[in-house]
Amino acid sequence: MSSSTALTFTREADASRYTLHRGDDLVSVLDYRDDGRTVAMTRAYTVPTFRGHGYAGEVVDRAVADLEKQGDRQVIPVCWYVADWFAAHPERAGILQQRARA
């Protein structure tokens, strides 16, 4: 993170999203669908003026940590960015929903 302003992470369950703010500015959002067993992470988005500072990775990291702490959901990485994030962090793959084998 390039700024010394504190980051605030919030789970907005009513909106089905996680948010990351830097000061008063919304910098990144992670949308999801929760069916009670799995959380499908559908879109990671960073406000264009804040791109390139690692905020999308930070919001995904904090969301995964939140879900790991809850311990009752598995993640389905629908969004390409989330899938790439898990590929880069194989140590966090224990929370991923395992695909059924044919």
PDB file of N, CA and C in Angstrom:
ATOM      1  N   MET A   1       0.843  -1.169   0.000  1.00  0.00           N
ATOM      2  CA  MET A   1       0.000   0.000   0.000  1.00  0.00           C
ATOM      3  C   MET A   1       0.894   1.239   0.000  1.00  0.00           C
ATOM      4  N   SER A   2       0.584   2.168  -0.821  1.00  0.00           N
ATOM      5  CA  SER A   2       1.452   3.323  -0.958  1.00  0.00           C
ATOM      6  C   SER A   2       1.055   4.485  -0.054  1.00  0.00           C
ATOM      7  N   SER A   3      -0.092   4.401   0.587  1.00  0.00           N
ATOM      8  CA  SER A   3      -0.550   5.517   1.412  1.00  0.00           C
ATOM      9  C   SER A   3      -0.475   5.158   2.883  1.00  0.00           C
ATOM     10  N   SER A   4      -0.231   6.176   3.711  1.00  0.00           N
ATOM     11  CA  SER A   4      -0.184   5.938   5.144  1.00  0.00           C
ATOM     12  C   SER A   4      -1.566   6.046   5.776  1.00  0.00           C
ATOM     13  N   THR A   5      -2.586   6.425   5.001  1.00  0.00           N
ATOM     14  CA  THR A   5      -3.946   6.500   5.508  1.00  0.00           C
ATOM     15  C   THR A   5      -4.449   5.096   5.807  1.00  0.00           C
ATOM     16  N   ALA A   6      -5.090   4.956   6.960  1.00  0.00           N
ATOM     17  CA  ALA A   6      -5.566   3.638   7.392  1.00  0.00           C
ATOM     18  C   ALA A   6      -6.622   3.085   6.442  1.00  0.00           C
ATOM     19  N   LEU A   7      -6.586   1.771   6.280  1.00  0.00           N
ATOM     20  CA  LEU A   7      -7.588   1.068   5.485  1.00  0.00           C
ATOM     21  C   LEU A   7      -8.665   0.527   6.416  1.00  0.00           C
ATOM     22  N   THR A   8      -9.916   0.623   5.966  1.00  0.00           N
ATOM     23  CA  THR A   8     -11.038   0.095   6.718  1.00  0.00           C
ATOM     24  C   THR A   8     -11.734  -0.948   5.868  1.00  0.00           C
ATOM     25  N   PHE A   9     -11.866  -2.152   6.417  1.00  0.00           N
ATOM     26  CA  PHE A   9     -12.491  -3.273   5.730  1.00  0.00           C
ATOM     27  C   PHE A   9     -13.851  -3.527   6.366  1.00  0.00           C
ATOM     28  N   THR A  10     -14.868  -3.701   5.537  1.00  0.00           N
ATOM     29  CA  THR A  10     -16.220  -3.912   6.041  1.00  0.00           C
ATOM     30  C   THR A  10     -16.925  -4.994   5.231  1.00  0.00           C
ATOM     31  N   ARG A  11     -17.675  -5.848   5.942  1.00  0.00           N
ATOM     32  CA  ARG A  11     -18.571  -6.794   5.258  1.00  0.00           C
ATOM     33  C   ARG A  11     -19.956  -6.175   5.295  1.00  0.00           C
ATOM     34  N   GLU A  12     -20.506  -5.897   4.124  1.00  0.00           N
ATOM     35  CA  GLU A  12     -21.846  -5.337   4.002  1.00  0.00           C
ATOM     36  C   GLU A  12     -22.774  -6.448   3.540  1.00  0.00           C
ATOM     37  N   ALA A  13     -23.254  -7.251   4.504  1.00  0.00           N
ATOM     38  CA  ALA A  13     -24.053  -8.427   4.185  1.00  0.00           C
ATOM     39  C   ALA A  13     -25.327  -8.072   3.421  1.00  0.00           C
ATOM     40  N   ASP A  14     -25.965  -6.959   3.763  1.00  0.00           N
ATOM     41  CA  ASP A  14     -27.196  -6.558   3.076  1.00  0.00           C
ATOM     42  C   ASP A  14     -26.958  -6.268   1.596  1.00  0.00           C
ATOM     43  N   ALA A  15     -25.762  -5.830   1.253  1.00  0.00           N
ATOM     44  CA  ALA A  15     -25.408  -5.532  -0.134  1.00  0.00           C
ATOM     45  C   ALA A  15     -24.625  -6.668  -0.787  1.00  0.00           C
ATOM     46  N   SER A  16     -24.355  -7.749  -0.031  1.00  0.00           N
ATOM     47  CA  SER A  16     -23.570  -8.891  -0.533  1.00  0.00           C
ATOM     48  C   SER A  16     -22.231  -8.442  -1.097  1.00  0.00           C
ATOM     49  N   ARG A  17     -21.510  -7.672  -0.273  1.00  0.00           N
ATOM     50  CA  ARG A  17     -20.203  -7.229  -0.721  1.00  0.00           C
ATOM     51  C   ARG A  17     -19.307  -6.924   0.480  1.00  0.00           C
ATOM     52  N   TYR A  18     -18.012  -6.998   0.201  1.00  0.00           N
ATOM     53  CA  TYR A  18     -16.992  -6.528   1.123  1.00  0.00           C
ATOM     54  C   TYR A  18     -16.465  -5.225   0.533  1.00  0.00           C
ATOM     55  N   THR A  19     -16.108  -4.281   1.394  1.00  0.00           N
ATOM     56  CA  THR A  19     -15.566  -3.017   0.905  1.00  0.00           C
ATOM     57  C   THR A  19     -14.254  -2.694   1.603  1.00  0.00           C
ATOM     58  N   LEU A  20     -13.441  -1.937   0.916  1.00  0.00           N
ATOM     59  CA  LEU A  20     -12.193  -1.443   1.462  1.00  0.00           C
ATOM     60  C   LEU A  20     -12.153   0.063   1.224  1.00  0.00           C
ATOM     61  N   HIS A  21     -11.997   0.816   2.317  1.00  0.00           N
ATOM     62  CA  HIS A  21     -11.904   2.268   2.246  1.00  0.00           C
ATOM     63  C   HIS A  21     -10.507   2.700   2.682  1.00  0.00           C
ATOM     64  N   ARG A  22     -10.014   3.729   2.056  1.00  0.00           N
ATOM     65  CA  ARG A  22      -8.797   4.407   2.510  1.00  0.00           C
ATOM     66  C   ARG A  22      -9.258   5.785   2.968  1.00  0.00           C
ATOM     67  N   GLY A  23      -9.257   5.998   4.273  1.00  0.00           N
ATOM     68  CA  GLY A  23      -9.853   7.213   4.805  1.00  0.00           C
ATOM     69  C   GLY A  23     -11.330   7.210   4.480  1.00  0.00           C
ATOM     70  N   ASP A  24     -11.812   8.284   3.863  1.00  0.00           N
ATOM     71  CA  ASP A  24     -13.217   8.377   3.471  1.00  0.00           C
ATOM     72  C   ASP A  24     -13.489   7.821   2.077  1.00  0.00           C
ATOM     73  N   ASP A  25     -12.440   7.442   1.355  1.00  0.00           N
ATOM     74  CA  ASP A  25     -12.584   7.005  -0.032  1.00  0.00           C
ATOM     75  C   ASP A  25     -12.811   5.505  -0.144  1.00  0.00           C
ATOM     76  N   LEU A  26     -13.861   5.119  -0.883  1.00  0.00           N
ATOM     77  CA  LEU A  26     -14.050   3.724  -1.246  1.00  0.00           C
ATOM     78  C   LEU A  26     -13.019   3.407  -2.315  1.00  0.00           C
ATOM     79  N   VAL A  27     -12.174   2.398  -2.069  1.00  0.00           N
ATOM     80  CA  VAL A  27     -11.130   2.085  -3.043  1.00  0.00           C
ATOM     81  C   VAL A  27     -11.357   0.754  -3.751  1.00  0.00           C
ATOM     82  N   SER A  28     -12.000  -0.221  -3.061  1.00  0.00           N
ATOM     83  CA  SER A  28     -12.176  -1.522  -3.688  1.00  0.00           C
ATOM     84  C   SER A  28     -13.401  -2.226  -3.112  1.00  0.00           C
ATOM     85  N   VAL A  29     -14.024  -3.070  -3.952  1.00  0.00           N
ATOM     86  CA  VAL A  29     -15.230  -3.804  -3.583  1.00  0.00           C
ATOM     87  C   VAL A  29     -15.070  -5.246  -4.053  1.00  0.00           C
ATOM     88  N   LEU A  30     -15.581  -6.170  -3.246  1.00  0.00           N
ATOM     89  CA  LEU A  30     -15.649  -7.572  -3.637  1.00  0.00           C
ATOM     90  C   LEU A  30     -17.095  -8.018  -3.477  1.00  0.00           C
ATOM     91  N   ASP A  31     -17.770  -8.265  -4.599  1.00  0.00           N
ATOM     92  CA  ASP A  31     -19.160  -8.726  -4.583  1.00  0.00           C
ATOM     93  C   ASP A  31     -19.191 -10.241  -4.417  1.00  0.00           C
ATOM     94  N   TYR A  32     -20.246 -10.728  -3.769  1.00  0.00           N
ATOM     95  CA  TYR A  32     -20.376 -12.170  -3.560  1.00  0.00           C
ATOM     96  C   TYR A  32     -21.833 -12.593  -3.507  1.00  0.00           C
ATOM     97  N   ARG A  33     -22.044 -13.912  -3.647  1.00  0.00           N
ATOM     98  CA  ARG A  33     -23.349 -14.548  -3.428  1.00  0.00           C
ATOM     99  C   ARG A  33     -23.146 -15.625  -2.374  1.00  0.00           C
ATOM    100  N   ASP A  34     -23.920 -15.585  -1.321  1.00  0.00           N
ATOM    101  CA  ASP A  34     -23.799 -16.533  -0.206  1.00  0.00           C
ATOM    102  C   ASP A  34     -25.075 -17.362  -0.141  1.00  0.00           C
ATOM    103  N   ASP A  35     -24.941 -18.683  -0.327  1.00  0.00           N
ATOM    104  CA  ASP A  35     -26.129 -19.546  -0.277  1.00  0.00           C
ATOM    105  C   ASP A  35     -26.243 -20.308   1.048  1.00  0.00           C
ATOM    106  N   GLY A  36     -25.418 -19.935   2.025  1.00  0.00           N
ATOM    107  CA  GLY A  36     -25.462 -20.605   3.323  1.00  0.00           C
ATOM    108  C   GLY A  36     -24.424 -21.710   3.463  1.00  0.00           C
ATOM    109  N   ARG A  37     -23.902 -22.204   2.358  1.00  0.00           N
ATOM    110  CA  ARG A  37     -22.852 -23.226   2.363  1.00  0.00           C
ATOM    111  C   ARG A  37     -21.587 -22.735   1.661  1.00  0.00           C
ATOM    112  N   THR A  38     -21.827 -21.973   0.579  1.00  0.00           N
ATOM    113  CA  THR A  38     -20.703 -21.468  -0.207  1.00  0.00           C
ATOM    114  C   THR A  38     -20.853 -19.964  -0.430  1.00  0.00           C
ATOM    115  N   VAL A  39     -19.715 -19.331  -0.667  1.00  0.00           N
ATOM    116  CA  VAL A  39     -19.679 -17.922  -1.036  1.00  0.00           C
ATOM    117  C   VAL A  39     -19.029 -17.849  -2.412  1.00  0.00           C
ATOM    118  N   ALA A  40     -19.818 -17.477  -3.404  1.00  0.00           N
ATOM    119  CA  ALA A  40     -19.299 -17.291  -4.753  1.00  0.00           C
ATOM    120  C   ALA A  40     -18.816 -15.850  -4.862  1.00  0.00           C
ATOM    121  N   MET A  41     -17.521 -15.685  -5.009  1.00  0.00           N
ATOM    122  CA  MET A  41     -16.942 -14.342  -5.155  1.00  0.00           C
ATOM    123  C   MET A  41     -17.032 -13.975  -6.627  1.00  0.00           C
ATOM    124  N   THR A  42     -17.941 -13.041  -6.927  1.00  0.00           N
ATOM    125  CA  THR A  42     -18.331 -12.797  -8.311  1.00  0.00           C
ATOM    126  C   THR A  42     -17.621 -11.633  -8.994  1.00  0.00           C
ATOM    127  N   ARG A  43     -17.131 -10.647  -8.221  1.00  0.00           N
ATOM    128  CA  ARG A  43     -16.487  -9.508  -8.865  1.00  0.00           C
ATOM    129  C   ARG A  43     -15.613  -8.768  -7.875  1.00  0.00           C
ATOM    130  N   ALA A  44     -14.355  -8.617  -8.221  1.00  0.00           N
ATOM    131  CA  ALA A  44     -13.441  -7.741  -7.486  1.00  0.00           C
ATOM    132  C   ALA A  44     -13.266  -6.495  -8.340  1.00  0.00           C
ATOM    133  N   TYR A  45     -13.450  -5.343  -7.707  1.00  0.00           N
ATOM    134  CA  TYR A  45     -13.403  -4.091  -8.447  1.00  0.00           C
ATOM    135  C   TYR A  45     -12.642  -3.053  -7.634  1.00  0.00           C
ATOM    136  N   THR A  46     -11.755  -2.332  -8.303  1.00  0.00           N
ATOM    137  CA  THR A  46     -11.064  -1.204  -7.682  1.00  0.00           C
ATOM    138  C   THR A  46     -11.418   0.052  -8.471  1.00  0.00           C
ATOM    139  N   VAL A  47     -11.761   1.098  -7.745  1.00  0.00           N
ATOM    140  CA  VAL A  47     -12.065   2.385  -8.366  1.00  0.00           C
ATOM    141  C   VAL A  47     -10.855   2.787  -9.220  1.00  0.00           C
ATOM    142  N   PRO A  48     -11.079   3.169 -10.475  1.00  0.00           N
ATOM    143  CA  PRO A  48      -9.959   3.413 -11.395  1.00  0.00           C
ATOM    144  C   PRO A  48      -8.851   4.314 -10.849  1.00  0.00           C
ATOM    145  N   THR A  49      -9.170   5.369 -10.140  1.00  0.00           N
ATOM    146  CA  THR A  49      -8.123   6.270  -9.640  1.00  0.00           C
ATOM    147  C   THR A  49      -7.264   5.638  -8.554  1.00  0.00           C
ATOM    148  N   PHE A  50      -7.680   4.485  -8.017  1.00  0.00           N
ATOM    149  CA  PHE A  50      -6.918   3.813  -6.966  1.00  0.00           C
ATOM    150  C   PHE A  50      -6.262   2.514  -7.443  1.00  0.00           C
ATOM    151  N   ARG A  51      -6.363   2.214  -8.712  1.00  0.00           N
ATOM    152  CA  ARG A  51      -5.777   0.971  -9.237  1.00  0.00           C
ATOM    153  C   ARG A  51      -4.254   1.016  -9.169  1.00  0.00           C
ATOM    154  N   GLY A  52      -3.668  -0.175  -9.085  1.00  0.00           N
ATOM    155  CA  GLY A  52      -2.217  -0.277  -9.089  1.00  0.00           C
ATOM    156  C   GLY A  52      -1.576  -0.187  -7.719  1.00  0.00           C
ATOM    157  N   HIS A  53      -2.379  -0.208  -6.665  1.00  0.00           N
ATOM    158  CA  HIS A  53      -1.845  -0.113  -5.303  1.00  0.00           C
ATOM    159  C   HIS A  53      -2.103  -1.365  -4.473  1.00  0.00           C
ATOM    160  N   GLY A  54      -2.637  -2.419  -5.097  1.00  0.00           N
ATOM    161  CA  GLY A  54      -2.859  -3.675  -4.391  1.00  0.00           C
ATOM    162  C   GLY A  54      -4.152  -3.757  -3.595  1.00  0.00           C
ATOM    163  N   TYR A  55      -5.073  -2.817  -3.836  1.00  0.00           N
ATOM    164  CA  TYR A  55      -6.300  -2.812  -3.040  1.00  0.00           C
ATOM    165  C   TYR A  55      -7.214  -4.004  -3.324  1.00  0.00           C
ATOM    166  N   ALA A  56      -7.309  -4.443  -4.571  1.00  0.00           N
ATOM    167  CA  ALA A  56      -8.151  -5.608  -4.878  1.00  0.00           C
ATOM    168  C   ALA A  56      -7.618  -6.843  -4.153  1.00  0.00           C
ATOM    169  N   GLY A  57      -6.320  -7.032  -4.175  1.00  0.00           N
ATOM    170  CA  GLY A  57      -5.726  -8.155  -3.450  1.00  0.00           C
ATOM    171  C   GLY A  57      -5.967  -8.049  -1.960  1.00  0.00           C
ATOM    172  N   GLU A  58      -5.919  -6.849  -1.447  1.00  0.00           N
ATOM    173  CA  GLU A  58      -6.157  -6.631  -0.011  1.00  0.00           C
ATOM    174  C   GLU A  58      -7.595  -6.956   0.374  1.00  0.00           C
ATOM    175  N   VAL A  59      -8.563  -6.531  -0.434  1.00  0.00           N
ATOM    176  CA  VAL A  59      -9.960  -6.822  -0.096  1.00  0.00           C
ATOM    177  C   VAL A  59     -10.238  -8.315  -0.204  1.00  0.00           C
ATOM    178  N   VAL A  60      -9.646  -8.993  -1.194  1.00  0.00           N
ATOM    179  CA  VAL A  60      -9.822 -10.448  -1.308  1.00  0.00           C
ATOM    180  C   VAL A  60      -9.164 -11.143  -0.112  1.00  0.00           C
ATOM    181  N   ASP A  61      -7.954 -10.749   0.241  1.00  0.00           N
ATOM    182  CA  ASP A  61      -7.253 -11.347   1.380  1.00  0.00           C
ATOM    183  C   ASP A  61      -8.073 -11.204   2.663  1.00  0.00           C
ATOM    184  N   ARG A  62      -8.594 -10.031   2.898  1.00  0.00           N
ATOM    185  CA  ARG A  62      -9.367  -9.804   4.129  1.00  0.00           C
ATOM    186  C   ARG A  62     -10.697 -10.542   4.101  1.00  0.00           C
ATOM    187  N   ALA A  63     -11.331 -10.648   2.934  1.00  0.00           N
ATOM    188  CA  ALA A  63     -12.586 -11.400   2.826  1.00  0.00           C
ATOM    189  C   ALA A  63     -12.342 -12.880   3.084  1.00  0.00           C
ATOM    190  N   VAL A  64     -11.283 -13.420   2.510  1.00  0.00           N
ATOM    191  CA  VAL A  64     -10.951 -14.832   2.740  1.00  0.00           C
ATOM    192  C   VAL A  64     -10.662 -15.060   4.223  1.00  0.00           C
ATOM    193  N   ALA A  65      -9.921 -14.151   4.845  1.00  0.00           N
ATOM    194  CA  ALA A  65      -9.640 -14.274   6.284  1.00  0.00           C
ATOM    195  C   ALA A  65     -10.930 -14.240   7.096  1.00  0.00           C
ATOM    196  N   ASP A  66     -11.861 -13.376   6.718  1.00  0.00           N
ATOM    197  CA  ASP A  66     -13.151 -13.301   7.404  1.00  0.00           C
ATOM    198  C   ASP A  66     -13.901 -14.625   7.293  1.00  0.00           C
ATOM    199  N   LEU A  67     -13.917 -15.195   6.097  1.00  0.00           N
ATOM    200  CA  LEU A  67     -14.610 -16.469   5.890  1.00  0.00           C
ATOM    201  C   LEU A  67     -13.901 -17.620   6.593  1.00  0.00           C
ATOM    202  N   GLU A  68     -12.581 -17.605   6.597  1.00  0.00           N
ATOM    203  CA  GLU A  68     -11.827 -18.629   7.332  1.00  0.00           C
ATOM    204  C   GLU A  68     -12.160 -18.554   8.817  1.00  0.00           C
ATOM    205  N   LYS A  69     -12.259 -17.363   9.341  1.00  0.00           N
ATOM    206  CA  LYS A  69     -12.581 -17.167  10.756  1.00  0.00           C
ATOM    207  C   LYS A  69     -13.986 -17.684  11.071  1.00  0.00           C
ATOM    208  N   GLN A  70     -14.947 -17.416  10.184  1.00  0.00           N
ATOM    209  CA  GLN A  70     -16.311 -17.912  10.384  1.00  0.00           C
ATOM    210  C   GLN A  70     -16.329 -19.440  10.362  1.00  0.00           C
ATOM    211  N   GLY A  71     -15.575 -20.023   9.436  1.00  0.00           N
ATOM    212  CA  GLY A  71     -15.380 -21.467   9.393  1.00  0.00           C
ATOM    213  C   GLY A  71     -16.544 -22.301   8.892  1.00  0.00           C
ATOM    214  N   ASP A  72     -17.572 -21.692   8.328  1.00  0.00           N
ATOM    215  CA  ASP A  72     -18.731 -22.475   7.907  1.00  0.00           C
ATOM    216  C   ASP A  72     -19.093 -22.323   6.433  1.00  0.00           C
ATOM    217  N   ARG A  73     -18.198 -21.753   5.641  1.00  0.00           N
ATOM    218  CA  ARG A  73     -18.451 -21.558   4.213  1.00  0.00           C
ATOM    219  C   ARG A  73     -17.224 -21.972   3.410  1.00  0.00           C
ATOM    220  N   GLN A  74     -17.486 -22.398   2.181  1.00  0.00           N
ATOM    221  CA  GLN A  74     -16.422 -22.624   1.218  1.00  0.00           C
ATOM    222  C   GLN A  74     -16.553 -21.560   0.136  1.00  0.00           C
ATOM    223  N   VAL A  75     -15.452 -21.262  -0.527  1.00  0.00           N
ATOM    224  CA  VAL A  75     -15.411 -20.210  -1.544  1.00  0.00           C
ATOM    225  C   VAL A  75     -15.409 -20.815  -2.939  1.00  0.00           C
ATOM    226  N   ILE A  76     -16.186 -20.194  -3.808  1.00  0.00           N
ATOM    227  CA  ILE A  76     -16.161 -20.483  -5.241  1.00  0.00           C
ATOM    228  C   ILE A  76     -15.657 -19.212  -5.928  1.00  0.00           C
ATOM    229  N   PRO A  77     -14.457 -19.250  -6.511  1.00  0.00           N
ATOM    230  CA  PRO A  77     -13.897 -18.051  -7.144  1.00  0.00           C
ATOM    231  C   PRO A  77     -14.429 -17.862  -8.565  1.00  0.00           C
ATOM    232  N   VAL A  78     -15.584 -17.224  -8.701  1.00  0.00           N
ATOM    233  CA  VAL A  78     -16.188 -16.983 -10.008  1.00  0.00           C
ATOM    234  C   VAL A  78     -15.404 -15.919 -10.774  1.00  0.00           C
ATOM    235  N   CYS A  79     -15.017 -14.864 -10.100  1.00  0.00           N
ATOM    236  CA  CYS A  79     -14.264 -13.761 -10.705  1.00  0.00           C
ATOM    237  C   CYS A  79     -12.843 -14.211 -11.059  1.00  0.00           C
ATOM    238  N   TRP A  80     -12.391 -13.854 -12.249  1.00  0.00           N
ATOM    239  CA  TRP A  80     -11.040 -14.246 -12.687  1.00  0.00           C
ATOM    240  C   TRP A  80      -9.975 -13.731 -11.727  1.00  0.00           C
ATOM    241  N   TYR A  81     -10.165 -12.528 -11.191  1.00  0.00           N
ATOM    242  CA  TYR A  81      -9.156 -11.960 -10.299  1.00  0.00           C
ATOM    243  C   TYR A  81      -9.046 -12.792  -9.024  1.00  0.00           C
ATOM    244  N   VAL A  82     -10.180 -13.193  -8.487  1.00  0.00           N
ATOM    245  CA  VAL A  82     -10.182 -14.021  -7.265  1.00  0.00           C
ATOM    246  C   VAL A  82      -9.527 -15.368  -7.556  1.00  0.00           C
ATOM    247  N   ALA A  83      -9.826 -15.967  -8.692  1.00  0.00           N
ATOM    248  CA  ALA A  83      -9.191 -17.242  -9.065  1.00  0.00           C
ATOM    249  C   ALA A  83      -7.676 -17.071  -9.168  1.00  0.00           C
ATOM    250  N   ASP A  84      -7.227 -15.983  -9.789  1.00  0.00           N
ATOM    251  CA  ASP A  84      -5.786 -15.716  -9.885  1.00  0.00           C
ATOM    252  C   ASP A  84      -5.177 -15.485  -8.505  1.00  0.00           C
ATOM    253  N   TRP A  85      -5.916 -14.813  -7.621  1.00  0.00           N
ATOM    254  CA  TRP A  85      -5.429 -14.563  -6.262  1.00  0.00           C
ATOM    255  C   TRP A  85      -5.206 -15.894  -5.536  1.00  0.00           C
ATOM    256  N   PHE A  86      -6.156 -16.811  -5.645  1.00  0.00           N
ATOM    257  CA  PHE A  86      -5.989 -18.126  -5.005  1.00  0.00           C
ATOM    258  C   PHE A  86      -4.831 -18.901  -5.632  1.00  0.00           C
ATOM    259  N   ALA A  87      -4.636 -18.781  -6.942  1.00  0.00           N
ATOM    260  CA  ALA A  87      -3.506 -19.454  -7.594  1.00  0.00           C
ATOM    261  C   ALA A  87      -2.184 -18.924  -7.050  1.00  0.00           C
ATOM    262  N   ALA A  88      -2.149 -17.636  -6.721  1.00  0.00           N
ATOM    263  CA  ALA A  88      -0.936 -17.019  -6.172  1.00  0.00           C
ATOM    264  C   ALA A  88      -0.779 -17.257  -4.671  1.00  0.00           C
ATOM    265  N   HIS A  89      -1.824 -17.748  -4.014  1.00  0.00           N
ATOM    266  CA  HIS A  89      -1.813 -17.998  -2.563  1.00  0.00           C
ATOM    267  C   HIS A  89      -2.313 -19.414  -2.269  1.00  0.00           C
ATOM    268  N   PRO A  90      -1.580 -20.441  -2.749  1.00  0.00           N
ATOM    269  CA  PRO A  90      -2.056 -21.820  -2.576  1.00  0.00           C
ATOM    270  C   PRO A  90      -2.217 -22.219  -1.117  1.00  0.00           C
ATOM    271  N   GLU A  91      -1.536 -21.524  -0.206  1.00  0.00           N
ATOM    272  CA  GLU A  91      -1.667 -21.834   1.216  1.00  0.00           C
ATOM    273  C   GLU A  91      -3.062 -21.506   1.755  1.00  0.00           C
ATOM    274  N   ARG A  92      -3.847 -20.754   0.999  1.00  0.00           N
ATOM    275  CA  ARG A  92      -5.202 -20.379   1.423  1.00  0.00           C
ATOM    276  C   ARG A  92      -6.271 -21.229   0.730  1.00  0.00           C
ATOM    277  N   ALA A  93      -5.866 -22.199  -0.089  1.00  0.00           N
ATOM    278  CA  ALA A  93      -6.806 -22.978  -0.903  1.00  0.00           C
ATOM    279  C   ALA A  93      -7.690 -23.923  -0.098  1.00  0.00           C
ATOM    280  N   GLY A  94      -7.416 -24.111   1.179  1.00  0.00           N
ATOM    281  CA  GLY A  94      -8.238 -25.006   1.995  1.00  0.00           C
ATOM    282  C   GLY A  94      -9.692 -24.581   2.100  1.00  0.00           C
ATOM    283  N   ILE A  95      -9.971 -23.320   1.845  1.00  0.00           N
ATOM    284  CA  ILE A  95     -11.342 -22.821   1.935  1.00  0.00           C
ATOM    285  C   ILE A  95     -12.104 -22.972   0.616  1.00  0.00           C
ATOM    286  N   LEU A  96     -11.412 -23.330  -0.451  1.00  0.00           N
ATOM    287  CA  LEU A  96     -12.075 -23.465  -1.756  1.00  0.00           C
ATOM    288  C   LEU A  96     -12.980 -24.688  -1.792  1.00  0.00           C
ATOM    289  N   GLN A  97     -14.127 -24.541  -2.467  1.00  0.00           N
ATOM    290  CA  GLN A  97     -15.002 -25.681  -2.668  1.00  0.00           C
ATOM    291  C   GLN A  97     -14.309 -26.629  -3.655  1.00  0.00           C
ATOM    292  N   GLN A  98     -14.248 -27.869  -3.297  1.00  0.00           N
ATOM    293  CA  GLN A  98     -13.633 -28.858  -4.171  1.00  0.00           C
ATOM    294  C   GLN A  98     -14.619 -29.261  -5.254  1.00  0.00           C
ATOM    295  N   ARG A  99     -14.150 -29.323  -6.471  1.00  0.00           N
ATOM    296  CA  ARG A  99     -15.017 -29.722  -7.581  1.00  0.00           C
ATOM    297  C   ARG A  99     -15.227 -31.223  -7.547  1.00  0.00           C
ATOM    298  N   ALA A 100     -16.449 -31.615  -7.875  1.00  0.00           N
ATOM    299  CA  ALA A 100     -16.764 -33.041  -7.954  1.00  0.00           C
ATOM    300  C   ALA A 100     -16.044 -33.631  -9.158  1.00  0.00           C
ATOM    301  N   ARG A 101     -15.522 -34.807  -8.989  1.00  0.00           N
ATOM    302  CA  ARG A 101     -14.822 -35.465 -10.101  1.00  0.00           C
ATOM    303  C   ARG A 101     -15.801 -36.331 -10.876  1.00  0.00           C
ATOM    304  N   ALA A 102     -15.640 -36.305 -12.186  1.00  0.00           N
ATOM    305  CA  ALA A 102     -16.537 -37.065 -13.057  1.00  0.00           C
ATOM    306  C   ALA A 102     -16.142 -38.508 -13.117  1.00  0.00           C
TER     307      ALA A 102
END
